[in-house]
């Protein structure tokens, strides 16, 4: 069972290329909790997308609407003392800027980033087992795993190294050490262009 000790409320971004294990780690991180510490709340951007825009062709404007909605909700939850776990790729600069702008309302809130690493071969293998709707194909999954831009001081997890529960334990141990938050603007600018 994952220890409940989290230092403060804040935002934890679980990012990485498609099929890198972000969702499974996020669900483990938020599956347990207690009243004595900030509640951990998972916001999966893709799940919010499906809720807000069922039947969408998954175009870029619709995807950004889902990111913007998740970020506004995250800022409200942080104001109420929760640890918000945001899960999505966060590969593009516009996605990161949207979060930074939403968090401007709560400037003292720490922003931590955990990046899930996956090899292109493992990403494609996992993609083949997916059952839910996606706008990806094997070539895009491979390309995104090869080209994902990782940043410091993010915590990097190799999803093939351990179970999702063990990886979530590693994230919680890292948070208990009070790691420095990322510099919001530096992290935002490290995203790739929207081309």
C-alpha atoms as a PDB file:
ATOM      1  CA  UNK A   1       0.000   0.000   0.000  1.00  0.00           C
ATOM      2  CA  UNK A   2       1.265   3.466  -0.892  1.00  0.00           C
ATOM      3  CA  UNK A   3       2.225   5.668   2.036  1.00  0.00           C
ATOM      4  CA  UNK A   4      -0.059   8.673   2.584  1.00  0.00           C
ATOM      5  CA  UNK A   5       2.632  11.157   3.548  1.00  0.00           C
ATOM      6  CA  UNK A   6       2.683  13.954   0.963  1.00  0.00           C
ATOM      7  CA  UNK A   7       4.326  17.218   2.002  1.00  0.00           C
ATOM      8  CA  UNK A   8       1.835  19.743   0.640  1.00  0.00           C
ATOM      9  CA  UNK A   9      -0.935  20.251  -1.834  1.00  0.00           C
ATOM     10  CA  UNK A  10       0.243  20.833  -5.373  1.00  0.00           C
ATOM     11  CA  UNK A  11       0.131  19.619  -8.950  1.00  0.00           C
ATOM     12  CA  UNK A  12       1.918  16.501 -10.123  1.00  0.00           C
ATOM     13  CA  UNK A  13       2.054  16.063 -13.893  1.00  0.00           C
ATOM     14  CA  UNK A  14       2.452  12.522 -15.197  1.00  0.00           C
ATOM     15  CA  UNK A  15       3.706  13.026 -18.732  1.00  0.00           C
ATOM     16  CA  UNK A  16       5.333  10.941 -21.405  1.00  0.00           C
ATOM     17  CA  UNK A  17       4.677   9.505 -24.810  1.00  0.00           C
ATOM     18  CA  UNK A  18       1.632   7.369 -25.569  1.00  0.00           C
ATOM     19  CA  UNK A  19       1.654   3.872 -24.049  1.00  0.00           C
ATOM     20  CA  UNK A  20       4.300   4.733 -21.448  1.00  0.00           C
ATOM     21  CA  UNK A  21       2.227   3.667 -18.418  1.00  0.00           C
ATOM     22  CA  UNK A  22       1.067   7.099 -17.198  1.00  0.00           C
ATOM     23  CA  UNK A  23      -2.554   6.101 -16.575  1.00  0.00           C
ATOM     24  CA  UNK A  24      -1.717   2.977 -14.606  1.00  0.00           C
ATOM     25  CA  UNK A  25       0.767   4.817 -12.383  1.00  0.00           C
ATOM     26  CA  UNK A  26      -1.716   7.666 -11.877  1.00  0.00           C
ATOM     27  CA  UNK A  27      -4.450   5.286 -10.798  1.00  0.00           C
ATOM     28  CA  UNK A  28      -2.114   3.629  -8.292  1.00  0.00           C
ATOM     29  CA  UNK A  29      -1.023   7.017  -6.919  1.00  0.00           C
ATOM     30  CA  UNK A  30      -4.578   8.076  -6.215  1.00  0.00           C
ATOM     31  CA  UNK A  31      -6.096   4.739  -5.184  1.00  0.00           C
ATOM     32  CA  UNK A  32      -5.278   5.162  -1.481  1.00  0.00           C
ATOM     33  CA  UNK A  33      -5.344   8.115   0.857  1.00  0.00           C
ATOM     34  CA  UNK A  34      -6.363   9.391   4.260  1.00  0.00           C
ATOM     35  CA  UNK A  35      -7.967  12.437   5.817  1.00  0.00           C
ATOM     36  CA  UNK A  36      -4.671  13.431   7.478  1.00  0.00           C
ATOM     37  CA  UNK A  37      -2.888  14.442   4.275  1.00  0.00           C
ATOM     38  CA  UNK A  38      -3.830  16.216   1.069  1.00  0.00           C
ATOM     39  CA  UNK A  39      -6.223  14.095  -0.937  1.00  0.00           C
ATOM     40  CA  UNK A  40      -4.745  12.864  -4.218  1.00  0.00           C
ATOM     41  CA  UNK A  41      -7.098  13.413  -7.138  1.00  0.00           C
ATOM     42  CA  UNK A  42      -6.390  12.039 -10.614  1.00  0.00           C
ATOM     43  CA  UNK A  43      -7.437  14.053 -13.655  1.00  0.00           C
ATOM     44  CA  UNK A  44      -6.925  12.055 -16.839  1.00  0.00           C
ATOM     45  CA  UNK A  45      -7.138  14.514 -19.708  1.00  0.00           C
ATOM     46  CA  UNK A  46      -8.245  11.829 -22.187  1.00  0.00           C
ATOM     47  CA  UNK A  47     -11.076  10.717 -19.886  1.00  0.00           C
ATOM     48  CA  UNK A  48     -12.186  14.329 -19.487  1.00  0.00           C
ATOM     49  CA  UNK A  49     -11.986  14.724 -23.266  1.00  0.00           C
ATOM     50  CA  UNK A  50     -14.321  11.758 -23.768  1.00  0.00           C
ATOM     51  CA  UNK A  51     -16.738  13.118 -21.154  1.00  0.00           C
ATOM     52  CA  UNK A  52     -16.856  16.652 -22.573  1.00  0.00           C
ATOM     53  CA  UNK A  53     -16.674  15.869 -26.280  1.00  0.00           C
ATOM     54  CA  UNK A  54     -18.130  12.446 -27.048  1.00  0.00           C
ATOM     55  CA  UNK A  55     -18.010  11.712 -30.742  1.00  0.00           C
ATOM     56  CA  UNK A  56     -15.242  14.241 -31.425  1.00  0.00           C
ATOM     57  CA  UNK A  57     -12.849  13.519 -34.256  1.00  0.00           C
ATOM     58  CA  UNK A  58     -10.119  14.304 -31.678  1.00  0.00           C
ATOM     59  CA  UNK A  59      -8.974  17.433 -33.490  1.00  0.00           C
ATOM     60  CA  UNK A  60      -6.418  19.773 -31.931  1.00  0.00           C
ATOM     61  CA  UNK A  61      -8.937  22.421 -30.833  1.00  0.00           C
ATOM     62  CA  UNK A  62     -11.031  19.815 -29.022  1.00  0.00           C
ATOM     63  CA  UNK A  63      -7.937  18.344 -27.372  1.00  0.00           C
ATOM     64  CA  UNK A  64      -6.893  21.792 -26.134  1.00  0.00           C
ATOM     65  CA  UNK A  65     -10.382  22.334 -24.726  1.00  0.00           C
ATOM     66  CA  UNK A  66      -9.925  19.163 -22.657  1.00  0.00           C
ATOM     67  CA  UNK A  67      -6.502  20.304 -21.448  1.00  0.00           C
ATOM     68  CA  UNK A  68      -7.854  23.767 -20.565  1.00  0.00           C
ATOM     69  CA  UNK A  69     -10.784  22.243 -18.663  1.00  0.00           C
ATOM     70  CA  UNK A  70      -8.484  19.886 -16.736  1.00  0.00           C
ATOM     71  CA  UNK A  71      -6.189  22.771 -15.819  1.00  0.00           C
ATOM     72  CA  UNK A  72      -9.002  24.991 -14.555  1.00  0.00           C
ATOM     73  CA  UNK A  73     -10.346  22.123 -12.475  1.00  0.00           C
ATOM     74  CA  UNK A  74      -6.841  21.418 -11.145  1.00  0.00           C
ATOM     75  CA  UNK A  75      -6.398  25.023  -9.998  1.00  0.00           C
ATOM     76  CA  UNK A  76      -9.734  24.864  -8.123  1.00  0.00           C
ATOM     77  CA  UNK A  77      -8.785  21.595  -6.421  1.00  0.00           C
ATOM     78  CA  UNK A  78      -5.347  22.876  -5.410  1.00  0.00           C
ATOM     79  CA  UNK A  79      -6.938  25.969  -3.868  1.00  0.00           C
ATOM     80  CA  UNK A  80      -8.904  23.555  -1.661  1.00  0.00           C
ATOM     81  CA  UNK A  81      -5.760  21.791  -0.482  1.00  0.00           C
ATOM     82  CA  UNK A  82      -5.577  18.730  -2.735  1.00  0.00           C
ATOM     83  CA  UNK A  83      -2.686  17.103  -4.548  1.00  0.00           C
ATOM     84  CA  UNK A  84      -3.812  16.938  -8.176  1.00  0.00           C
ATOM     85  CA  UNK A  85      -2.303  14.324 -10.463  1.00  0.00           C
ATOM     86  CA  UNK A  86      -2.684  15.420 -14.091  1.00  0.00           C
ATOM     87  CA  UNK A  87      -2.129  12.614 -16.573  1.00  0.00           C
ATOM     88  CA  UNK A  88      -1.559  13.142 -20.290  1.00  0.00           C
ATOM     89  CA  UNK A  89       1.358  13.423 -22.725  1.00  0.00           C
ATOM     90  CA  UNK A  90       2.131  17.125 -22.229  1.00  0.00           C
ATOM     91  CA  UNK A  91       4.395  16.971 -25.269  1.00  0.00           C
ATOM     92  CA  UNK A  92       3.300  20.271 -26.846  1.00  0.00           C
ATOM     93  CA  UNK A  93       4.211  23.718 -25.613  1.00  0.00           C
ATOM     94  CA  UNK A  94       0.594  24.932 -25.847  1.00  0.00           C
ATOM     95  CA  UNK A  95      -0.530  22.158 -23.461  1.00  0.00           C
ATOM     96  CA  UNK A  96       2.107  23.135 -20.913  1.00  0.00           C
ATOM     97  CA  UNK A  97       1.434  26.869 -21.278  1.00  0.00           C
ATOM     98  CA  UNK A  98      -2.259  26.222 -20.619  1.00  0.00           C
ATOM     99  CA  UNK A  99      -1.386  24.616 -17.265  1.00  0.00           C
ATOM    100  CA  UNK A 100       1.064  27.375 -16.321  1.00  0.00           C
ATOM    101  CA  UNK A 101      -1.577  30.017 -17.095  1.00  0.00           C
ATOM    102  CA  UNK A 102      -4.210  28.206 -15.016  1.00  0.00           C
ATOM    103  CA  UNK A 103      -1.803  27.910 -12.089  1.00  0.00           C
ATOM    104  CA  UNK A 104      -1.089  31.655 -12.195  1.00  0.00           C
ATOM    105  CA  UNK A 105      -4.156  31.943  -9.943  1.00  0.00           C
ATOM    106  CA  UNK A 106      -2.306  29.887  -7.309  1.00  0.00           C
ATOM    107  CA  UNK A 107       1.314  31.063  -7.738  1.00  0.00           C
ATOM    108  CA  UNK A 108       2.743  29.347  -4.642  1.00  0.00           C
ATOM    109  CA  UNK A 109       1.518  25.924  -5.755  1.00  0.00           C
ATOM    110  CA  UNK A 110       4.382  23.548  -6.470  1.00  0.00           C
ATOM    111  CA  UNK A 111       4.408  21.910  -9.900  1.00  0.00           C
ATOM    112  CA  UNK A 112       6.217  18.580 -10.031  1.00  0.00           C
ATOM    113  CA  UNK A 113       6.726  16.574 -13.194  1.00  0.00           C
ATOM    114  CA  UNK A 114       7.128  12.830 -13.514  1.00  0.00           C
ATOM    115  CA  UNK A 115       7.998  11.594 -16.980  1.00  0.00           C
ATOM    116  CA  UNK A 116       7.275   8.030 -17.977  1.00  0.00           C
ATOM    117  CA  UNK A 117       9.781   6.583 -20.410  1.00  0.00           C
ATOM    118  CA  UNK A 118       8.998   3.801 -22.850  1.00  0.00           C
ATOM    119  CA  UNK A 119      11.027   2.416 -25.734  1.00  0.00           C
ATOM    120  CA  UNK A 120       9.432   2.757 -29.186  1.00  0.00           C
ATOM    121  CA  UNK A 121       9.177  -1.048 -29.427  1.00  0.00           C
ATOM    122  CA  UNK A 122       7.418  -1.372 -26.058  1.00  0.00           C
ATOM    123  CA  UNK A 123       5.107   1.537 -26.909  1.00  0.00           C
ATOM    124  CA  UNK A 124       3.998  -0.118 -30.156  1.00  0.00           C
ATOM    125  CA  UNK A 125       3.556  -3.493 -28.421  1.00  0.00           C
ATOM    126  CA  UNK A 126       1.337  -1.882 -25.760  1.00  0.00           C
ATOM    127  CA  UNK A 127      -0.576   0.096 -28.381  1.00  0.00           C
ATOM    128  CA  UNK A 128      -1.570  -3.150 -30.097  1.00  0.00           C
ATOM    129  CA  UNK A 129      -3.379  -4.260 -26.923  1.00  0.00           C
ATOM    130  CA  UNK A 130      -5.393  -1.044 -26.464  1.00  0.00           C
ATOM    131  CA  UNK A 131      -9.143  -1.286 -26.803  1.00  0.00           C
ATOM    132  CA  UNK A 132     -10.335   2.332 -26.502  1.00  0.00           C
ATOM    133  CA  UNK A 133     -10.684   4.929 -29.239  1.00  0.00           C
ATOM    134  CA  UNK A 134      -7.583   6.847 -30.207  1.00  0.00           C
ATOM    135  CA  UNK A 135      -6.349   9.114 -32.960  1.00  0.00           C
ATOM    136  CA  UNK A 136      -3.016   7.288 -33.065  1.00  0.00           C
ATOM    137  CA  UNK A 137      -1.580   4.523 -35.192  1.00  0.00           C
ATOM    138  CA  UNK A 138       1.559   2.418 -34.722  1.00  0.00           C
ATOM    139  CA  UNK A 139       3.754   4.803 -36.735  1.00  0.00           C
ATOM    140  CA  UNK A 140       2.686   7.809 -34.626  1.00  0.00           C
ATOM    141  CA  UNK A 141       3.159   5.886 -31.386  1.00  0.00           C
ATOM    142  CA  UNK A 142       6.706   4.971 -32.458  1.00  0.00           C
ATOM    143  CA  UNK A 143       7.463   8.532 -33.575  1.00  0.00           C
ATOM    144  CA  UNK A 144       6.213  10.043 -30.319  1.00  0.00           C
ATOM    145  CA  UNK A 145       8.178   7.591 -28.180  1.00  0.00           C
ATOM    146  CA  UNK A 146      11.339   8.369 -30.166  1.00  0.00           C
ATOM    147  CA  UNK A 147      10.876  12.142 -30.114  1.00  0.00           C
ATOM    148  CA  UNK A 148       9.531  12.915 -26.632  1.00  0.00           C
ATOM    149  CA  UNK A 149      11.430  15.786 -24.976  1.00  0.00           C
ATOM    150  CA  UNK A 150      12.335  15.032 -21.383  1.00  0.00           C
ATOM    151  CA  UNK A 151      13.254  17.813 -18.928  1.00  0.00           C
ATOM    152  CA  UNK A 152      15.034  18.290 -15.614  1.00  0.00           C
ATOM    153  CA  UNK A 153      14.270  18.252 -12.675  1.00  0.00           C
ATOM    154  CA  UNK A 154      11.523  15.802 -13.553  1.00  0.00           C
ATOM    155  CA  UNK A 155      11.520  12.331 -12.062  1.00  0.00           C
ATOM    156  CA  UNK A 156      11.908   9.748 -14.811  1.00  0.00           C
ATOM    157  CA  UNK A 157      10.250   6.373 -14.615  1.00  0.00           C
ATOM    158  CA  UNK A 158      10.945   3.515 -17.011  1.00  0.00           C
ATOM    159  CA  UNK A 159       7.590   1.773 -17.042  1.00  0.00           C
ATOM    160  CA  UNK A 160       9.117  -1.581 -17.961  1.00  0.00           C
ATOM    161  CA  UNK A 161      11.249  -1.591 -14.767  1.00  0.00           C
ATOM    162  CA  UNK A 162       8.494  -2.329 -12.251  1.00  0.00           C
ATOM    163  CA  UNK A 163       4.789  -2.767 -11.632  1.00  0.00           C
ATOM    164  CA  UNK A 164       2.572   0.342 -11.641  1.00  0.00           C
ATOM    165  CA  UNK A 165       2.233   0.014  -7.851  1.00  0.00           C
ATOM    166  CA  UNK A 166       6.022  -0.055  -7.377  1.00  0.00           C
ATOM    167  CA  UNK A 167       6.428   2.936  -9.696  1.00  0.00           C
ATOM    168  CA  UNK A 168       3.750   4.827  -7.741  1.00  0.00           C
ATOM    169  CA  UNK A 169       5.650   4.019  -4.522  1.00  0.00           C
ATOM    170  CA  UNK A 170       8.766   5.486  -6.120  1.00  0.00           C
ATOM    171  CA  UNK A 171       6.871   8.690  -6.983  1.00  0.00           C
ATOM    172  CA  UNK A 172       5.558   9.005  -3.423  1.00  0.00           C
ATOM    173  CA  UNK A 173       9.036   8.452  -1.968  1.00  0.00           C
ATOM    174  CA  UNK A 174      10.331  11.196  -4.267  1.00  0.00           C
ATOM    175  CA  UNK A 175       7.551  13.585  -3.173  1.00  0.00           C
ATOM    176  CA  UNK A 176       8.240  12.872   0.504  1.00  0.00           C
ATOM    177  CA  UNK A 177      11.794  14.153  -0.052  1.00  0.00           C
ATOM    178  CA  UNK A 178      10.301  17.546  -1.064  1.00  0.00           C
ATOM    179  CA  UNK A 179      11.864  17.732  -4.521  1.00  0.00           C
ATOM    180  CA  UNK A 180      12.216  21.152  -6.080  1.00  0.00           C
ATOM    181  CA  UNK A 181       9.259  22.013  -8.279  1.00  0.00           C
ATOM    182  CA  UNK A 182       9.955  22.611 -11.937  1.00  0.00           C
ATOM    183  CA  UNK A 183      10.342  26.184 -13.085  1.00  0.00           C
ATOM    184  CA  UNK A 184       6.990  26.649 -14.743  1.00  0.00           C
ATOM    185  CA  UNK A 185       8.103  28.810 -17.671  1.00  0.00           C
ATOM    186  CA  UNK A 186      11.163  26.692 -18.409  1.00  0.00           C
ATOM    187  CA  UNK A 187       9.052  23.521 -18.429  1.00  0.00           C
ATOM    188  CA  UNK A 188       6.403  25.141 -20.642  1.00  0.00           C
ATOM    189  CA  UNK A 189       8.940  26.344 -23.182  1.00  0.00           C
ATOM    190  CA  UNK A 190      10.579  22.914 -23.367  1.00  0.00           C
ATOM    191  CA  UNK A 191       7.461  21.497 -25.047  1.00  0.00           C
ATOM    192  CA  UNK A 192       7.570  20.970 -28.774  1.00  0.00           C
ATOM    193  CA  UNK A 193       6.055  23.414 -31.205  1.00  0.00           C
ATOM    194  CA  UNK A 194       2.541  22.789 -32.412  1.00  0.00           C
ATOM    195  CA  UNK A 195       3.559  22.051 -35.953  1.00  0.00           C
END
